[in-house]
PDB file of N, CA and C in Angstrom:
ATOM      1  N   UNK A   1     -68.660  89.271  20.489  1.00  0.00           N
ATOM      2  CA  UNK A   1     -67.511  88.417  20.677  1.00  0.00           C
ATOM      3  C   UNK A   1     -66.495  89.156  21.555  1.00  0.00           C
ATOM      4  N   UNK A   2     -66.668  89.111  22.855  1.00  0.00           N
ATOM      5  CA  UNK A   2     -65.736  89.810  23.748  1.00  0.00           C
ATOM      6  C   UNK A   2     -64.353  89.162  23.741  1.00  0.00           C
ATOM      7  N   UNK A   3     -63.330  89.965  23.439  1.00  0.00           N
ATOM      8  CA  UNK A   3     -61.951  89.493  23.523  1.00  0.00           C
ATOM      9  C   UNK A   3     -61.522  89.630  24.982  1.00  0.00           C
ATOM     10  N   UNK A   4     -61.037  88.562  25.564  1.00  0.00           N
ATOM     11  CA  UNK A   4     -60.700  88.533  26.976  1.00  0.00           C
ATOM     12  C   UNK A   4     -59.209  88.709  27.201  1.00  0.00           C
ATOM     13  N   UNK A   5     -58.406  88.140  26.313  1.00  0.00           N
ATOM     14  CA  UNK A   5     -56.963  88.152  26.504  1.00  0.00           C
ATOM     15  C   UNK A   5     -56.297  88.074  25.138  1.00  0.00           C
ATOM     16  N   UNK A   6     -55.208  88.810  24.976  1.00  0.00           N
ATOM     17  CA  UNK A   6     -54.395  88.690  23.771  1.00  0.00           C
ATOM     18  C   UNK A   6     -52.954  88.559  24.223  1.00  0.00           C
ATOM     19  N   UNK A   7     -52.294  87.493  23.763  1.00  0.00           N
ATOM     20  CA  UNK A   7     -50.938  87.207  24.216  1.00  0.00           C
ATOM     21  C   UNK A   7     -50.202  86.463  23.114  1.00  0.00           C
ATOM     22  N   UNK A   8     -49.019  86.964  22.745  1.00  0.00           N
ATOM     23  CA  UNK A   8     -48.195  86.350  21.706  1.00  0.00           C
ATOM     24  C   UNK A   8     -48.962  86.142  20.397  1.00  0.00           C
ATOM     25  N   UNK A   9     -49.863  87.041  20.106  1.00  0.00           N
ATOM     26  CA  UNK A   9     -50.641  86.949  18.879  1.00  0.00           C
ATOM     27  C   UNK A   9     -51.881  86.073  18.970  1.00  0.00           C
ATOM     28  N   UNK A  10     -52.048  85.363  20.079  1.00  0.00           N
ATOM     29  CA  UNK A  10     -53.247  84.546  20.294  1.00  0.00           C
ATOM     30  C   UNK A  10     -54.341  85.440  20.860  1.00  0.00           C
ATOM     31  N   UNK A  11     -55.526  85.326  20.306  1.00  0.00           N
ATOM     32  CA  UNK A  11     -56.684  86.059  20.827  1.00  0.00           C
ATOM     33  C   UNK A  11     -57.603  85.062  21.506  1.00  0.00           C
ATOM     34  N   UNK A  12     -57.890  85.304  22.774  1.00  0.00           N
ATOM     35  CA  UNK A  12     -58.768  84.445  23.563  1.00  0.00           C
ATOM     36  C   UNK A  12     -60.088  85.178  23.781  1.00  0.00           C
ATOM     37  N   UNK A  13     -61.181  84.511  23.479  1.00  0.00           N
ATOM     38  CA  UNK A  13     -62.487  85.171  23.486  1.00  0.00           C
ATOM     39  C   UNK A  13     -63.585  84.134  23.666  1.00  0.00           C
ATOM     40  N   UNK A  14     -64.810  84.627  23.843  1.00  0.00           N
ATOM     41  CA  UNK A  14     -65.979  83.755  23.756  1.00  0.00           C
ATOM     42  C   UNK A  14     -67.048  84.474  22.961  1.00  0.00           C
ATOM     43  N   UNK A  15     -67.989  83.700  22.485  1.00  0.00           N
ATOM     44  CA  UNK A  15     -69.109  84.239  21.710  1.00  0.00           C
ATOM     45  C   UNK A  15     -70.280  84.513  22.645  1.00  0.00           C
ATOM     46  N   UNK A  16     -71.003  85.558  22.397  1.00  0.00           N
ATOM     47  CA  UNK A  16     -72.176  85.891  23.207  1.00  0.00           C
ATOM     48  C   UNK A  16     -73.196  84.759  23.202  1.00  0.00           C
ATOM     49  N   UNK A  17     -73.232  84.001  22.137  1.00  0.00           N
ATOM     50  CA  UNK A  17     -74.189  82.891  22.029  1.00  0.00           C
ATOM     51  C   UNK A  17     -73.757  81.659  22.837  1.00  0.00           C
ATOM     52  N   UNK A  18     -72.580  81.705  23.464  1.00  0.00           N
ATOM     53  CA  UNK A  18     -72.082  80.573  24.262  1.00  0.00           C
ATOM     54  C   UNK A  18     -72.764  80.452  25.620  1.00  0.00           C
ATOM     55  N   UNK A  19     -73.705  81.297  25.906  1.00  0.00           N
ATOM     56  CA  UNK A  19     -74.322  81.391  27.228  1.00  0.00           C
ATOM     57  C   UNK A  19     -74.868  80.059  27.748  1.00  0.00           C
ATOM     58  N   UNK A  20     -75.330  79.184  26.884  1.00  0.00           N
ATOM     59  CA  UNK A  20     -75.923  77.920  27.328  1.00  0.00           C
ATOM     60  C   UNK A  20     -74.914  76.780  27.423  1.00  0.00           C
ATOM     61  N   UNK A  21     -73.655  77.061  27.200  1.00  0.00           N
ATOM     62  CA  UNK A  21     -72.621  76.033  27.268  1.00  0.00           C
ATOM     63  C   UNK A  21     -71.828  76.172  28.563  1.00  0.00           C
ATOM     64  N   UNK A  22     -71.150  75.095  28.970  1.00  0.00           N
ATOM     65  CA  UNK A  22     -70.254  75.209  30.133  1.00  0.00           C
ATOM     66  C   UNK A  22     -69.124  76.206  29.847  1.00  0.00           C
ATOM     67  N   UNK A  23     -68.497  76.660  30.884  1.00  0.00           N
ATOM     68  CA  UNK A  23     -67.440  77.658  30.824  1.00  0.00           C
ATOM     69  C   UNK A  23     -66.289  77.184  29.923  1.00  0.00           C
ATOM     70  N   UNK A  24     -65.959  77.994  28.915  1.00  0.00           N
ATOM     71  CA  UNK A  24     -64.884  77.663  27.987  1.00  0.00           C
ATOM     72  C   UNK A  24     -64.351  78.934  27.338  1.00  0.00           C
ATOM     73  N   UNK A  25     -63.263  78.781  26.596  1.00  0.00           N
ATOM     74  CA  UNK A  25     -62.656  79.908  25.892  1.00  0.00           C
ATOM     75  C   UNK A  25     -62.314  79.464  24.473  1.00  0.00           C
ATOM     76  N   UNK A  26     -62.420  80.390  23.539  1.00  0.00           N
ATOM     77  CA  UNK A  26     -61.998  80.148  22.160  1.00  0.00           C
ATOM     78  C   UNK A  26     -60.652  80.836  21.964  1.00  0.00           C
ATOM     79  N   UNK A  27     -59.873  80.319  21.035  1.00  0.00           N
ATOM     80  CA  UNK A  27     -58.578  80.925  20.716  1.00  0.00           C
ATOM     81  C   UNK A  27     -58.409  80.965  19.205  1.00  0.00           C
ATOM     82  N   UNK A  28     -57.783  82.036  18.733  1.00  0.00           N
ATOM     83  CA  UNK A  28     -57.574  82.203  17.294  1.00  0.00           C
ATOM     84  C   UNK A  28     -56.221  82.879  17.082  1.00  0.00           C
ATOM     85  N   UNK A  29     -55.513  82.417  16.086  1.00  0.00           N
ATOM     86  CA  UNK A  29     -54.309  83.099  15.590  1.00  0.00           C
ATOM     87  C   UNK A  29     -54.082  82.618  14.173  1.00  0.00           C
ATOM     88  N   UNK A  30     -54.042  83.539  13.228  1.00  0.00           N
ATOM     89  CA  UNK A  30     -53.904  83.156  11.828  1.00  0.00           C
ATOM     90  C   UNK A  30     -55.058  82.248  11.430  1.00  0.00           C
ATOM     91  N   UNK A  31     -54.721  81.104  10.825  1.00  0.00           N
ATOM     92  CA  UNK A  31     -55.744  80.138  10.428  1.00  0.00           C
ATOM     93  C   UNK A  31     -56.141  79.209  11.576  1.00  0.00           C
ATOM     94  N   UNK A  32     -55.407  79.267  12.676  1.00  0.00           N
ATOM     95  CA  UNK A  32     -55.681  78.392  13.811  1.00  0.00           C
ATOM     96  C   UNK A  32     -56.921  78.807  14.563  1.00  0.00           C
ATOM     97  N   UNK A  33     -57.665  77.806  15.013  1.00  0.00           N
ATOM     98  CA  UNK A  33     -58.920  78.043  15.728  1.00  0.00           C
ATOM     99  C   UNK A  33     -59.069  76.957  16.785  1.00  0.00           C
ATOM    100  N   UNK A  34     -59.511  77.347  17.983  1.00  0.00           N
ATOM    101  CA  UNK A  34     -59.644  76.347  19.021  1.00  0.00           C
ATOM    102  C   UNK A  34     -60.698  76.673  20.056  1.00  0.00           C
ATOM    103  N   UNK A  35     -61.000  75.655  20.853  1.00  0.00           N
ATOM    104  CA  UNK A  35     -61.954  75.783  21.954  1.00  0.00           C
ATOM    105  C   UNK A  35     -61.436  74.926  23.101  1.00  0.00           C
ATOM    106  N   UNK A  36     -61.395  75.523  24.292  1.00  0.00           N
ATOM    107  CA  UNK A  36     -60.871  74.843  25.469  1.00  0.00           C
ATOM    108  C   UNK A  36     -61.865  74.994  26.605  1.00  0.00           C
ATOM    109  N   UNK A  37     -62.259  73.857  27.170  1.00  0.00           N
ATOM    110  CA  UNK A  37     -63.145  73.860  28.331  1.00  0.00           C
ATOM    111  C   UNK A  37     -62.345  74.303  29.546  1.00  0.00           C
ATOM    112  N   UNK A  38     -62.932  75.162  30.363  1.00  0.00           N
ATOM    113  CA  UNK A  38     -62.287  75.650  31.587  1.00  0.00           C
ATOM    114  C   UNK A  38     -62.820  74.952  32.824  1.00  0.00           C
ATOM    115  N   UNK A  39     -64.035  74.477  32.754  1.00  0.00           N
ATOM    116  CA  UNK A  39     -64.666  73.776  33.887  1.00  0.00           C
ATOM    117  C   UNK A  39     -65.392  72.541  33.378  1.00  0.00           C
ATOM    118  N   UNK A  40     -65.477  71.483  34.107  1.00  0.00           N
ATOM    119  CA  UNK A  40     -64.923  71.342  35.452  1.00  0.00           C
ATOM    120  C   UNK A  40     -63.405  71.200  35.454  1.00  0.00           C
ATOM    121  N   UNK A  41     -62.827  70.714  34.360  1.00  0.00           N
ATOM    122  CA  UNK A  41     -61.377  70.599  34.251  1.00  0.00           C
ATOM    123  C   UNK A  41     -60.923  71.241  32.950  1.00  0.00           C
ATOM    124  N   UNK A  42     -59.689  71.669  32.929  1.00  0.00           N
ATOM    125  CA  UNK A  42     -59.101  72.220  31.725  1.00  0.00           C
ATOM    126  C   UNK A  42     -58.959  71.099  30.703  1.00  0.00           C
ATOM    127  N   UNK A  43     -59.607  71.275  29.520  1.00  0.00           N
ATOM    128  CA  UNK A  43     -59.597  70.212  28.519  1.00  0.00           C
ATOM    129  C   UNK A  43     -59.753  70.811  27.123  1.00  0.00           C
ATOM    130  N   UNK A  44     -58.904  70.370  26.232  1.00  0.00           N
ATOM    131  CA  UNK A  44     -58.980  70.809  24.838  1.00  0.00           C
ATOM    132  C   UNK A  44     -60.182  70.168  24.162  1.00  0.00           C
ATOM    133  N   UNK A  45     -61.052  70.982  23.590  1.00  0.00           N
ATOM    134  CA  UNK A  45     -62.140  70.478  22.748  1.00  0.00           C
ATOM    135  C   UNK A  45     -61.597  70.284  21.332  1.00  0.00           C
ATOM    136  N   UNK A  46     -60.944  71.324  20.818  1.00  0.00           N
ATOM    137  CA  UNK A  46     -60.244  71.223  19.539  1.00  0.00           C
ATOM    138  C   UNK A  46     -59.256  72.379  19.419  1.00  0.00           C
ATOM    139  N   UNK A  47     -58.163  72.133  18.739  1.00  0.00           N
ATOM    140  CA  UNK A  47     -57.181  73.154  18.378  1.00  0.00           C
ATOM    141  C   UNK A  47     -56.773  72.846  16.944  1.00  0.00           C
ATOM    142  N   UNK A  48     -57.519  73.394  16.008  1.00  0.00           N
ATOM    143  CA  UNK A  48     -57.333  73.085  14.593  1.00  0.00           C
ATOM    144  C   UNK A  48     -56.359  74.062  13.940  1.00  0.00           C
ATOM    145  N   UNK A  49     -55.505  73.515  13.093  1.00  0.00           N
ATOM    146  CA  UNK A  49     -54.535  74.283  12.315  1.00  0.00           C
ATOM    147  C   UNK A  49     -53.495  74.993  13.172  1.00  0.00           C
ATOM    148  N   UNK A  50     -53.228  74.450  14.360  1.00  0.00           N
ATOM    149  CA  UNK A  50     -52.110  74.887  15.176  1.00  0.00           C
ATOM    150  C   UNK A  50     -51.062  73.773  15.162  1.00  0.00           C
ATOM    151  N   UNK A  51     -49.794  74.150  15.174  1.00  0.00           N
ATOM    152  CA  UNK A  51     -48.708  73.182  15.278  1.00  0.00           C
ATOM    153  C   UNK A  51     -48.654  72.651  16.710  1.00  0.00           C
ATOM    154  N   UNK A  52     -47.999  71.520  16.907  1.00  0.00           N
ATOM    155  CA  UNK A  52     -47.895  70.904  18.239  1.00  0.00           C
ATOM    156  C   UNK A  52     -47.322  71.875  19.263  1.00  0.00           C
ATOM    157  N   UNK A  53     -46.287  72.610  18.873  1.00  0.00           N
ATOM    158  CA  UNK A  53     -45.676  73.579  19.783  1.00  0.00           C
ATOM    159  C   UNK A  53     -46.664  74.678  20.162  1.00  0.00           C
ATOM    160  N   UNK A  54     -47.453  75.129  19.195  1.00  0.00           N
ATOM    161  CA  UNK A  54     -48.457  76.160  19.464  1.00  0.00           C
ATOM    162  C   UNK A  54     -49.533  75.622  20.399  1.00  0.00           C
ATOM    163  N   UNK A  55     -49.939  74.379  20.211  1.00  0.00           N
ATOM    164  CA  UNK A  55     -50.950  73.775  21.084  1.00  0.00           C
ATOM    165  C   UNK A  55     -50.454  73.734  22.520  1.00  0.00           C
ATOM    166  N   UNK A  56     -49.202  73.344  22.707  1.00  0.00           N
ATOM    167  CA  UNK A  56     -48.642  73.317  24.070  1.00  0.00           C
ATOM    168  C   UNK A  56     -48.596  74.721  24.655  1.00  0.00           C
ATOM    169  N   UNK A  57     -48.205  75.693  23.823  1.00  0.00           N
ATOM    170  CA  UNK A  57     -48.134  77.081  24.285  1.00  0.00           C
ATOM    171  C   UNK A  57     -49.515  77.602  24.663  1.00  0.00           C
ATOM    172  N   UNK A  58     -50.521  77.311  23.852  1.00  0.00           N
ATOM    173  CA  UNK A  58     -51.900  77.745  24.128  1.00  0.00           C
ATOM    174  C   UNK A  58     -52.380  77.156  25.450  1.00  0.00           C
ATOM    175  N   UNK A  59     -52.165  75.863  25.626  1.00  0.00           N
ATOM    176  CA  UNK A  59     -52.636  75.220  26.860  1.00  0.00           C
ATOM    177  C   UNK A  59     -51.920  75.797  28.084  1.00  0.00           C
ATOM    178  N   UNK A  60     -50.643  76.135  27.939  1.00  0.00           N
ATOM    179  CA  UNK A  60     -49.900  76.743  29.049  1.00  0.00           C
ATOM    180  C   UNK A  60     -50.473  78.123  29.376  1.00  0.00           C
ATOM    181  N   UNK A  61     -50.754  78.919  28.342  1.00  0.00           N
ATOM    182  CA  UNK A  61     -51.322  80.255  28.555  1.00  0.00           C
ATOM    183  C   UNK A  61     -52.676  80.142  29.249  1.00  0.00           C
ATOM    184  N   UNK A  62     -53.506  79.225  28.784  1.00  0.00           N
ATOM    185  CA  UNK A  62     -54.833  79.051  29.388  1.00  0.00           C
ATOM    186  C   UNK A  62     -54.701  78.571  30.826  1.00  0.00           C
ATOM    187  N   UNK A  63     -53.817  77.634  31.068  1.00  0.00           N
ATOM    188  CA  UNK A  63     -53.631  77.129  32.436  1.00  0.00           C
ATOM    189  C   UNK A  63     -53.177  78.246  33.373  1.00  0.00           C
ATOM    190  N   UNK A  64     -52.238  79.060  32.918  1.00  0.00           N
ATOM    191  CA  UNK A  64     -51.720  80.152  33.752  1.00  0.00           C
ATOM    192  C   UNK A  64     -52.757  81.249  33.991  1.00  0.00           C
ATOM    193  N   UNK A  65     -53.740  81.360  33.120  1.00  0.00           N
ATOM    194  CA  UNK A  65     -54.756  82.412  33.221  1.00  0.00           C
ATOM    195  C   UNK A  65     -56.149  81.861  33.487  1.00  0.00           C
ATOM    196  N   UNK A  66     -56.232  80.617  33.888  1.00  0.00           N
ATOM    197  CA  UNK A  66     -57.518  79.934  34.045  1.00  0.00           C
ATOM    198  C   UNK A  66     -58.472  80.701  34.963  1.00  0.00           C
ATOM    199  N   UNK A  67     -58.014  81.092  36.122  1.00  0.00           N
ATOM    200  CA  UNK A  67     -58.897  81.785  37.070  1.00  0.00           C
ATOM    201  C   UNK A  67     -59.411  83.098  36.494  1.00  0.00           C
ATOM    202  N   UNK A  68     -58.546  83.839  35.817  1.00  0.00           N
ATOM    203  CA  UNK A  68     -58.947  85.098  35.193  1.00  0.00           C
ATOM    204  C   UNK A  68     -59.992  84.851  34.104  1.00  0.00           C
ATOM    205  N   UNK A  69     -59.770  83.841  33.266  1.00  0.00           N
ATOM    206  CA  UNK A  69     -60.699  83.534  32.180  1.00  0.00           C
ATOM    207  C   UNK A  69     -62.063  83.105  32.719  1.00  0.00           C
ATOM    208  N   UNK A  70     -62.055  82.297  33.764  1.00  0.00           N
ATOM    209  CA  UNK A  70     -63.312  81.869  34.390  1.00  0.00           C
ATOM    210  C   UNK A  70     -64.043  83.074  34.977  1.00  0.00           C
ATOM    211  N   UNK A  71     -63.306  83.924  35.649  1.00  0.00           N
ATOM    212  CA  UNK A  71     -63.908  85.135  36.236  1.00  0.00           C
ATOM    213  C   UNK A  71     -64.576  85.990  35.161  1.00  0.00           C
ATOM    214  N   UNK A  72     -63.896  86.178  34.051  1.00  0.00           N
ATOM    215  CA  UNK A  72     -64.449  86.992  32.963  1.00  0.00           C
ATOM    216  C   UNK A  72     -65.676  86.333  32.339  1.00  0.00           C
ATOM    217  N   UNK A  73     -65.674  85.012  32.244  1.00  0.00           N
ATOM    218  CA  UNK A  73     -66.834  84.275  31.725  1.00  0.00           C
ATOM    219  C   UNK A  73     -68.065  84.597  32.566  1.00  0.00           C
ATOM    220  N   UNK A  74     -67.941  84.427  33.871  1.00  0.00           N
ATOM    221  CA  UNK A  74     -69.095  84.633  34.747  1.00  0.00           C
ATOM    222  C   UNK A  74     -69.498  86.101  34.838  1.00  0.00           C
ATOM    223  N   UNK A  75     -68.543  86.999  34.777  1.00  0.00           N
ATOM    224  CA  UNK A  75     -68.879  88.432  34.761  1.00  0.00           C
ATOM    225  C   UNK A  75     -69.733  88.751  33.522  1.00  0.00           C
ATOM    226  N   UNK A  76     -69.340  88.220  32.387  1.00  0.00           N
ATOM    227  CA  UNK A  76     -70.039  88.524  31.149  1.00  0.00           C
ATOM    228  C   UNK A  76     -71.423  87.885  31.090  1.00  0.00           C
ATOM    229  N   UNK A  77     -71.499  86.609  31.463  1.00  0.00           N
ATOM    230  CA  UNK A  77     -72.737  85.878  31.290  1.00  0.00           C
ATOM    231  C   UNK A  77     -73.690  85.954  32.490  1.00  0.00           C
ATOM    232  N   UNK A  78     -73.275  86.563  33.572  1.00  0.00           N
ATOM    233  CA  UNK A  78     -74.151  86.686  34.745  1.00  0.00           C
ATOM    234  C   UNK A  78     -75.422  87.440  34.362  1.00  0.00           C
ATOM    235  N   UNK A  79     -76.536  86.819  34.638  1.00  0.00           N
ATOM    236  CA  UNK A  79     -77.830  87.442  34.387  1.00  0.00           C
ATOM    237  C   UNK A  79     -78.305  87.353  32.943  1.00  0.00           C
ATOM    238  N   UNK A  80     -77.586  86.660  32.090  1.00  0.00           N
ATOM    239  CA  UNK A  80     -78.013  86.560  30.680  1.00  0.00           C
ATOM    240  C   UNK A  80     -78.775  85.279  30.454  1.00  0.00           C
TER     241      UNK A  80
END
């Protein structure tokens, strides 16, 4: 489970077993858990147990770091 980014207590990561899925990122903080698609468009799959304000903050963080997160996805999964 490579951690890609940590910001404001949010941990952004993906699972090694995600190799067969489209590019996405998971997020966790406290009891909150989420999954956000990065390609083809930025889209929330789920953000469970996060408050509305936290959901907006998470989406803003992902949007601002989208290119970096995509780059890390392909670096990790290349050749797997």
